[in-house]
């Protein structure tokens, strides 16, 4: 979660539930070309996630959404998580009539 977004939420006294698959720091390499101010980012693959773990994530979303909540999903899905995982999360939000971003 970006520190600017997190600071904003804390300032507005918004509750945040962050779902992470692992507690390792993100491994991203940045390469900048000074003459052009271009920057390239390379991310290493995350851990393998098994079905029990990603199902548990859906359960957390199901239990955590309350009235007037907004659900923000972002990031690349790591190995083991189905390609349609965000669709599954979206179905939960739709069924509970919550906003999804």
N, C-alpha and C. Protein backbone atom coordinates (compact mmCIF):
# COMPACT_ATOMS: atom_id res chain seq x y z
N UNK A 1 0.86 -1.16 0.00
CA UNK A 1 0.00 0.00 0.00
C UNK A 1 0.91 1.23 0.00
N UNK A 2 0.60 2.16 -0.86
CA UNK A 2 1.39 3.37 -0.94
C UNK A 2 1.29 4.22 0.31
N UNK A 3 2.40 4.81 0.68
CA UNK A 3 2.41 5.59 1.93
C UNK A 3 1.52 6.83 1.84
N UNK A 4 1.37 7.42 0.66
CA UNK A 4 0.51 8.60 0.52
C UNK A 4 -0.95 8.20 0.75
N UNK A 5 -1.36 7.11 0.12
CA UNK A 5 -2.73 6.62 0.28
C UNK A 5 -2.99 6.25 1.74
N UNK A 6 -2.05 5.55 2.34
CA UNK A 6 -2.22 5.14 3.74
C UNK A 6 -2.31 6.36 4.66
N UNK A 7 -1.46 7.37 4.43
CA UNK A 7 -1.51 8.59 5.24
C UNK A 7 -2.85 9.30 5.09
N UNK A 8 -3.36 9.35 3.87
CA UNK A 8 -4.66 9.98 3.62
C UNK A 8 -5.76 9.26 4.40
N UNK A 9 -5.77 7.94 4.32
CA UNK A 9 -6.80 7.15 5.02
C UNK A 9 -6.72 7.35 6.53
N UNK A 10 -5.52 7.38 7.06
CA UNK A 10 -5.35 7.59 8.50
C UNK A 10 -5.82 8.98 8.89
N UNK A 11 -5.50 9.98 8.07
CA UNK A 11 -5.92 11.35 8.35
C UNK A 11 -7.44 11.47 8.35
N UNK A 12 -8.10 10.75 7.45
CA UNK A 12 -9.56 10.78 7.36
C UNK A 12 -10.22 9.78 8.29
N UNK A 13 -9.40 9.10 9.11
CA UNK A 13 -9.88 8.10 10.07
C UNK A 13 -10.67 6.99 9.39
N UNK A 14 -10.15 6.54 8.24
CA UNK A 14 -10.76 5.44 7.50
C UNK A 14 -10.10 4.13 7.94
N UNK A 15 -10.88 3.11 8.15
CA UNK A 15 -10.33 1.80 8.51
C UNK A 15 -9.79 1.13 7.26
N UNK A 16 -8.64 0.50 7.42
CA UNK A 16 -7.98 -0.17 6.30
C UNK A 16 -7.75 -1.63 6.69
N UNK A 17 -8.13 -2.54 5.81
CA UNK A 17 -7.76 -3.94 5.96
C UNK A 17 -6.89 -4.29 4.77
N UNK A 18 -5.66 -4.63 5.02
CA UNK A 18 -4.72 -4.95 3.95
C UNK A 18 -4.53 -6.46 3.92
N UNK A 19 -4.73 -7.03 2.77
CA UNK A 19 -4.56 -8.47 2.59
C UNK A 19 -3.24 -8.70 1.87
N UNK A 20 -2.32 -9.37 2.53
CA UNK A 20 -1.03 -9.68 1.90
C UNK A 20 -0.82 -11.18 1.92
N UNK A 21 -0.13 -11.64 0.92
CA UNK A 21 0.12 -13.08 0.81
C UNK A 21 1.38 -13.49 1.54
N UNK A 22 2.28 -12.56 1.75
CA UNK A 22 3.53 -12.86 2.42
C UNK A 22 4.07 -11.57 3.02
N UNK A 23 5.01 -11.72 3.95
CA UNK A 23 5.53 -10.57 4.67
C UNK A 23 6.93 -10.18 4.20
N UNK A 24 7.33 -10.65 3.04
CA UNK A 24 8.63 -10.27 2.51
C UNK A 24 8.55 -8.89 1.88
N UNK A 25 9.64 -8.13 1.94
CA UNK A 25 9.63 -6.85 1.23
C UNK A 25 9.53 -7.10 -0.28
N UNK A 26 8.87 -6.19 -0.94
CA UNK A 26 8.73 -6.32 -2.40
C UNK A 26 10.10 -6.19 -3.04
N UNK A 27 10.39 -7.06 -3.99
CA UNK A 27 11.69 -7.05 -4.66
C UNK A 27 11.51 -6.47 -6.06
N UNK A 28 11.80 -5.17 -6.15
CA UNK A 28 11.69 -4.47 -7.42
C UNK A 28 13.02 -3.77 -7.68
N UNK A 29 13.50 -3.92 -8.90
CA UNK A 29 14.72 -3.23 -9.31
C UNK A 29 14.33 -2.08 -10.23
N UNK A 30 14.96 -0.95 -10.02
CA UNK A 30 14.70 0.20 -10.87
C UNK A 30 15.97 0.53 -11.66
N UNK A 31 15.79 0.85 -12.90
CA UNK A 31 16.90 1.24 -13.75
C UNK A 31 16.53 2.56 -14.41
N UNK A 32 17.33 3.58 -14.18
CA UNK A 32 17.05 4.91 -14.74
C UNK A 32 18.08 5.26 -15.80
N UNK A 33 17.61 5.95 -16.83
CA UNK A 33 18.49 6.48 -17.87
C UNK A 33 18.54 7.99 -17.68
N UNK A 34 19.63 8.49 -17.10
CA UNK A 34 19.69 9.91 -16.75
C UNK A 34 19.45 10.88 -17.91
N UNK A 35 19.94 10.54 -19.10
CA UNK A 35 19.81 11.44 -20.24
C UNK A 35 18.35 11.65 -20.64
N UNK A 36 17.48 10.69 -20.36
CA UNK A 36 16.09 10.77 -20.81
C UNK A 36 15.09 10.86 -19.66
N UNK A 37 15.56 10.71 -18.45
CA UNK A 37 14.69 10.67 -17.26
C UNK A 37 13.70 9.52 -17.31
N UNK A 38 13.97 8.51 -18.13
CA UNK A 38 13.11 7.33 -18.17
C UNK A 38 13.52 6.37 -17.05
N UNK A 39 12.53 5.69 -16.51
CA UNK A 39 12.80 4.72 -15.46
C UNK A 39 12.10 3.42 -15.80
N UNK A 40 12.79 2.32 -15.64
CA UNK A 40 12.24 1.00 -15.89
C UNK A 40 12.22 0.23 -14.57
N UNK A 41 11.13 -0.49 -14.33
CA UNK A 41 10.99 -1.27 -13.11
C UNK A 41 10.89 -2.74 -13.46
N UNK A 42 11.60 -3.55 -12.73
CA UNK A 42 11.57 -5.00 -12.92
C UNK A 42 11.22 -5.63 -11.59
N UNK A 43 10.14 -6.40 -11.55
CA UNK A 43 9.72 -7.06 -10.32
C UNK A 43 9.98 -8.56 -10.38
N UNK A 44 10.47 -9.10 -9.29
CA UNK A 44 10.68 -10.54 -9.21
C UNK A 44 9.35 -11.22 -8.90
N UNK A 45 9.19 -12.45 -9.33
CA UNK A 45 7.94 -13.16 -9.04
C UNK A 45 7.73 -13.31 -7.53
N UNK A 46 6.47 -13.26 -7.12
CA UNK A 46 6.13 -13.46 -5.72
C UNK A 46 6.09 -14.94 -5.39
N UNK A 47 5.65 -15.26 -4.20
CA UNK A 47 5.61 -16.66 -3.77
C UNK A 47 4.49 -17.43 -4.45
N UNK A 48 4.57 -18.72 -4.42
CA UNK A 48 3.49 -19.59 -4.88
C UNK A 48 2.40 -19.57 -3.82
N UNK A 49 1.17 -19.28 -4.22
CA UNK A 49 0.04 -19.25 -3.30
C UNK A 49 -0.84 -20.46 -3.60
N UNK A 50 -1.23 -21.19 -2.57
CA UNK A 50 -2.06 -22.37 -2.81
C UNK A 50 -3.55 -22.00 -2.72
N UNK A 51 -4.40 -22.92 -3.11
CA UNK A 51 -5.84 -22.65 -3.16
C UNK A 51 -6.40 -22.28 -1.79
N UNK A 52 -5.95 -22.94 -0.74
CA UNK A 52 -6.45 -22.60 0.60
C UNK A 52 -6.16 -21.15 0.95
N UNK A 53 -4.99 -20.66 0.54
CA UNK A 53 -4.62 -19.28 0.86
C UNK A 53 -5.46 -18.28 0.08
N UNK A 54 -5.64 -18.49 -1.23
CA UNK A 54 -6.43 -17.50 -1.97
C UNK A 54 -7.91 -17.60 -1.64
N UNK A 55 -8.39 -18.78 -1.29
CA UNK A 55 -9.77 -18.91 -0.83
C UNK A 55 -9.95 -18.17 0.50
N UNK A 56 -8.95 -18.25 1.37
CA UNK A 56 -9.00 -17.52 2.64
C UNK A 56 -9.08 -16.02 2.39
N UNK A 57 -8.41 -15.55 1.35
CA UNK A 57 -8.50 -14.14 0.99
C UNK A 57 -9.91 -13.75 0.60
N UNK A 58 -10.58 -14.60 -0.17
CA UNK A 58 -11.97 -14.34 -0.54
C UNK A 58 -12.87 -14.33 0.70
N UNK A 59 -12.60 -15.23 1.63
CA UNK A 59 -13.38 -15.27 2.87
C UNK A 59 -13.20 -13.98 3.67
N UNK A 60 -11.98 -13.45 3.70
CA UNK A 60 -11.73 -12.20 4.42
C UNK A 60 -12.51 -11.07 3.77
N UNK A 61 -12.51 -11.01 2.44
CA UNK A 61 -13.28 -9.98 1.74
C UNK A 61 -14.76 -10.13 2.08
N UNK A 62 -15.26 -11.34 2.03
CA UNK A 62 -16.67 -11.62 2.32
C UNK A 62 -17.06 -11.14 3.72
N UNK A 63 -16.22 -11.44 4.70
CA UNK A 63 -16.53 -11.07 6.09
C UNK A 63 -16.28 -9.60 6.40
N UNK A 64 -15.35 -8.98 5.68
CA UNK A 64 -14.91 -7.63 6.04
C UNK A 64 -15.76 -6.51 5.48
N UNK A 65 -16.46 -6.76 4.38
CA UNK A 65 -17.23 -5.68 3.75
C UNK A 65 -18.45 -5.32 4.58
N UNK A 66 -18.55 -4.05 4.93
CA UNK A 66 -19.67 -3.54 5.70
C UNK A 66 -20.38 -2.46 4.89
N UNK A 67 -21.48 -1.98 5.43
CA UNK A 67 -22.25 -0.94 4.77
C UNK A 67 -21.38 0.28 4.50
N UNK A 68 -21.53 0.84 3.31
CA UNK A 68 -20.81 2.04 2.85
C UNK A 68 -19.32 1.84 2.63
N UNK A 69 -18.85 0.60 2.61
CA UNK A 69 -17.43 0.34 2.37
C UNK A 69 -17.09 0.50 0.90
N UNK A 70 -15.84 0.85 0.66
CA UNK A 70 -15.25 0.83 -0.67
C UNK A 70 -14.18 -0.25 -0.64
N UNK A 71 -14.09 -1.02 -1.69
CA UNK A 71 -13.08 -2.07 -1.80
C UNK A 71 -12.15 -1.70 -2.93
N UNK A 72 -10.85 -1.58 -2.62
CA UNK A 72 -9.84 -1.25 -3.61
C UNK A 72 -8.96 -2.47 -3.80
N UNK A 73 -8.86 -2.94 -5.04
CA UNK A 73 -7.99 -4.06 -5.35
C UNK A 73 -6.95 -3.59 -6.36
N UNK A 74 -5.73 -4.04 -6.18
CA UNK A 74 -4.68 -3.66 -7.11
C UNK A 74 -3.53 -4.64 -7.01
N UNK A 75 -2.69 -4.58 -7.98
CA UNK A 75 -1.48 -5.39 -7.96
C UNK A 75 -1.56 -6.59 -8.88
N UNK A 76 -0.40 -7.09 -9.19
CA UNK A 76 -0.28 -8.27 -10.04
C UNK A 76 -0.55 -9.52 -9.20
N UNK A 77 -1.27 -10.45 -9.78
CA UNK A 77 -1.54 -11.71 -9.08
C UNK A 77 -0.32 -12.61 -9.17
N UNK A 78 0.04 -13.19 -8.04
CA UNK A 78 1.22 -14.05 -8.00
C UNK A 78 0.87 -15.48 -8.41
N UNK A 79 1.85 -16.31 -8.54
CA UNK A 79 1.66 -17.70 -8.99
C UNK A 79 0.70 -18.44 -8.06
N UNK A 80 -0.19 -19.20 -8.67
CA UNK A 80 -1.13 -20.02 -7.92
C UNK A 80 -2.50 -19.38 -7.75
N UNK A 81 -2.59 -18.07 -7.97
CA UNK A 81 -3.88 -17.38 -7.86
C UNK A 81 -4.52 -17.37 -9.25
N UNK A 82 -5.77 -17.79 -9.36
CA UNK A 82 -6.42 -17.85 -10.68
C UNK A 82 -6.48 -16.47 -11.35
N UNK A 83 -6.39 -16.47 -12.67
CA UNK A 83 -6.44 -15.23 -13.44
C UNK A 83 -7.73 -14.45 -13.20
N UNK A 84 -8.81 -15.14 -12.86
CA UNK A 84 -10.09 -14.46 -12.65
C UNK A 84 -10.35 -14.13 -11.17
N UNK A 85 -9.30 -14.09 -10.37
CA UNK A 85 -9.44 -13.82 -8.93
C UNK A 85 -10.12 -12.48 -8.66
N UNK A 86 -9.70 -11.45 -9.38
CA UNK A 86 -10.32 -10.14 -9.17
C UNK A 86 -11.79 -10.16 -9.57
N UNK A 87 -12.15 -10.99 -10.52
CA UNK A 87 -13.57 -11.16 -10.87
C UNK A 87 -14.32 -11.79 -9.70
N UNK A 88 -13.71 -12.76 -9.04
CA UNK A 88 -14.34 -13.39 -7.87
C UNK A 88 -14.54 -12.36 -6.76
N UNK A 89 -13.53 -11.51 -6.55
CA UNK A 89 -13.65 -10.45 -5.55
C UNK A 89 -14.77 -9.50 -5.96
N UNK A 90 -14.84 -9.17 -7.25
CA UNK A 90 -15.88 -8.29 -7.76
C UNK A 90 -17.27 -8.86 -7.56
N UNK A 91 -17.40 -10.16 -7.72
CA UNK A 91 -18.70 -10.80 -7.49
C UNK A 91 -19.14 -10.67 -6.04
N UNK A 92 -18.20 -10.78 -5.13
CA UNK A 92 -18.53 -10.61 -3.71
C UNK A 92 -19.00 -9.18 -3.48
N UNK A 93 -18.26 -8.20 -4.02
CA UNK A 93 -18.65 -6.80 -3.84
C UNK A 93 -20.02 -6.53 -4.46
N UNK A 94 -20.26 -7.09 -5.62
CA UNK A 94 -21.56 -6.90 -6.29
C UNK A 94 -22.69 -7.50 -5.47
N UNK A 95 -22.48 -8.71 -4.99
CA UNK A 95 -23.51 -9.38 -4.19
C UNK A 95 -23.82 -8.60 -2.91
N UNK A 96 -22.80 -7.98 -2.33
CA UNK A 96 -22.99 -7.22 -1.09
C UNK A 96 -23.30 -5.75 -1.37
N UNK A 97 -23.45 -5.42 -2.67
CA UNK A 97 -23.78 -4.05 -3.09
C UNK A 97 -22.76 -3.03 -2.53
N UNK A 98 -21.48 -3.33 -2.73
CA UNK A 98 -20.41 -2.45 -2.29
C UNK A 98 -19.65 -1.92 -3.49
N UNK A 99 -18.96 -0.80 -3.30
CA UNK A 99 -18.19 -0.17 -4.37
C UNK A 99 -16.83 -0.84 -4.51
N UNK A 100 -16.46 -1.14 -5.74
CA UNK A 100 -15.18 -1.79 -6.02
C UNK A 100 -14.37 -0.91 -6.95
N UNK A 101 -13.12 -0.69 -6.58
CA UNK A 101 -12.19 0.07 -7.41
C UNK A 101 -10.96 -0.76 -7.66
